[in-house]
Protein backbone atom coordinates (compact mmCIF):
# COMPACT_ATOMS: atom_id res chain seq x y z
CA MET A 1 -7.02 -18.30 -15.72
CA ASP A 2 -7.25 -16.86 -12.19
CA ARG A 3 -6.82 -13.13 -12.13
CA PRO A 4 -7.04 -12.29 -8.06
CA ILE A 5 -9.22 -9.49 -6.86
CA GLN A 6 -7.21 -6.46 -5.46
CA ILE A 7 -8.67 -3.98 -3.14
CA VAL A 8 -7.22 -0.94 -2.94
CA GLU A 9 -8.40 2.07 0.13
CA TYR A 10 -7.73 5.52 -0.76
CA GLU A 11 -7.82 7.70 2.33
CA ARG A 12 -7.60 11.50 2.64
CA TYR A 13 -7.85 14.15 5.32
CA THR A 14 -11.05 15.81 6.24
CA TRP A 15 -11.33 18.45 9.30
CA ILE A 16 -13.83 21.33 10.15
CA CYS A 17 -12.30 24.86 10.41
CA SER A 18 -12.77 26.01 14.02
CA VAL A 19 -13.41 29.72 12.85
CA CYS A 20 -15.68 29.22 9.64
CA ARG A 21 -17.10 25.50 10.37
CA GLU A 22 -16.58 24.43 6.56
CA THR A 23 -15.51 21.48 6.06
CA GLN A 24 -12.10 21.03 4.29
CA ARG A 25 -10.61 18.12 2.01
CA ALA A 26 -7.35 17.10 1.33
CA HIS A 27 -6.61 16.69 -2.37
CA TRP A 28 -6.55 13.10 -3.71
CA SER A 29 -3.12 11.75 -4.33
CA PRO A 30 -1.97 11.78 -7.73
CA GLU A 31 -1.26 7.87 -7.60
CA ILE A 32 -5.20 7.29 -7.64
CA VAL A 33 -6.05 5.40 -10.77
CA PRO A 34 -9.11 7.55 -12.63
CA GLY A 35 -12.40 5.38 -12.96
CA GLN A 36 -11.94 3.15 -9.81
CA ASP A 37 -14.54 5.17 -8.10
CA ILE A 38 -17.46 3.78 -9.13
CA GLY A 39 -18.66 2.55 -5.80
CA ILE A 40 -19.38 -0.63 -4.41
CA THR A 41 -22.51 -1.46 -6.28
CA GLY A 42 -20.62 -0.92 -9.51
CA GLN A 43 -18.02 -2.76 -8.68
CA ALA A 44 -20.28 -5.95 -7.68
CA PHE A 45 -22.14 -5.72 -11.11
CA LEU A 46 -18.33 -5.47 -12.69
CA GLY A 47 -17.20 -8.56 -10.71
CA TRP A 48 -20.68 -10.37 -11.70
CA ILE A 49 -20.24 -9.52 -15.24
CA ASN A 50 -16.98 -10.70 -15.41
CA ASN A 51 -17.53 -13.88 -13.95
């Protein structure tokens, strides 16, 4: 059975305050699936053991 790979990219805004020079980030979207942020190495490993 074929299981296609699905790649999803999430983006959020990041900016630097012009007054305090502190980095500010927008909140993550509630649509994001928890546990999907394991990084490229973890994803490669899971793909390898799944095959």
